[in-house]
Protein backbone atom coordinates (compact mmCIF):
# COMPACT_ATOMS: atom_id res chain seq x y z
CA MET A 1 -112.24 99.75 205.78
CA PRO A 2 -109.32 98.44 203.46
CA ARG A 3 -110.24 97.19 200.00
CA PRO A 4 -108.74 93.54 200.73
CA PHE A 5 -111.37 93.13 203.50
CA GLY A 6 -114.13 93.81 201.08
CA LEU A 7 -112.96 91.22 198.54
CA VAL A 8 -112.59 88.68 201.41
CA LEU A 9 -116.15 89.43 202.48
CA VAL A 10 -117.42 89.12 199.02
CA ALA A 11 -115.64 85.85 198.57
CA VAL A 12 -116.97 84.46 201.76
CA GLY A 13 -120.52 85.56 200.89
CA LEU A 14 -120.32 83.85 197.38
CA GLY A 15 -118.89 80.77 199.24
CA VAL A 16 -122.01 80.59 201.60
CA VAL A 17 -124.34 81.13 198.62
CA LEU A 18 -122.76 78.28 196.70
CA LEU A 19 -122.74 75.96 199.75
CA GLY A 20 -126.66 76.90 200.19
CA LEU A 21 -127.28 76.03 196.54
CA LEU A 22 -125.43 72.57 197.01
CA VAL A 23 -127.45 71.84 199.97
CA TRP A 24 -130.83 72.98 198.39
CA SER A 25 -130.31 71.05 195.23
CA GLY A 26 -129.57 67.73 197.20
CA ALA A 27 -126.03 67.51 195.89
CA LEU A 28 -124.76 66.96 199.53
CA SER A 29 -127.58 64.44 200.60
CA TRP A 30 -124.50 61.75 201.06
CA LEU A 31 -123.25 63.75 203.83
CA GLY A 32 -124.14 62.24 207.14
CA ARG A 33 -124.65 58.86 205.65
CA LEU A 34 -120.94 58.04 205.26
CA PRO A 35 -119.59 54.61 206.59
CA GLY A 36 -118.50 55.49 210.22
CA ASP A 37 -121.46 57.84 210.98
CA ILE A 38 -123.27 56.28 213.83
CA ARG A 39 -127.12 56.32 213.85
CA ILE A 40 -129.33 54.68 216.24
CA GLU A 41 -133.06 54.71 215.72
CA ARG A 42 -135.51 52.79 218.03
CA GLY A 43 -139.12 53.79 218.02
CA ASN A 44 -139.37 57.35 218.83
CA PHE A 45 -135.76 57.51 220.03
CA ARG A 46 -132.94 58.62 217.74
CA VAL A 47 -129.24 59.36 218.42
CA TYR A 48 -126.97 60.46 215.84
CA PHE A 49 -123.09 60.96 215.82
CA PRO A 50 -121.77 62.04 212.29
CA ILE A 51 -118.17 61.11 213.17
CA THR A 52 -116.84 60.54 209.61
CA SER A 53 -118.72 63.41 208.12
CA MET A 54 -117.26 65.69 210.54
CA ILE A 55 -113.66 64.44 210.02
CA LEU A 56 -114.11 64.84 206.37
CA ILE A 57 -115.63 68.62 206.73
CA SER A 58 -112.74 69.28 209.09
CA LEU A 59 -110.04 68.05 206.43
CA VAL A 60 -111.65 70.03 203.69
CA LEU A 61 -111.85 73.23 205.83
CA THR A 62 -108.23 72.87 207.01
CA LEU A 63 -107.01 72.52 203.44
CA LEU A 64 -109.12 75.46 202.09
CA ILE A 65 -108.04 77.65 205.20
CA ASN A 66 -104.41 76.79 204.44
CA LEU A 67 -104.68 77.60 200.71
CA VAL A 68 -106.24 80.85 201.54
CA ARG A 69 -103.59 81.72 204.05
CA ARG A 70 -100.83 80.71 201.40
CA PHE A 71 -102.11 83.23 198.87
CA PHE A 72 -102.94 86.08 201.14
């Protein structure tokens, strides 16, 4: 396997670990509770549509992927 592939694999692994630490520490607890996220709770019935959170995650991932593509 070529060396750049190994570097990308290590970078992705470090990113996953960093994201896991952020979720574990509670730093991302606001995600899913943004204005525009639809939450319906009645008795033992729950429906949840995280529309705004998914748009935000999509924008961040798009910017990140475009930055990575620009440098590689």
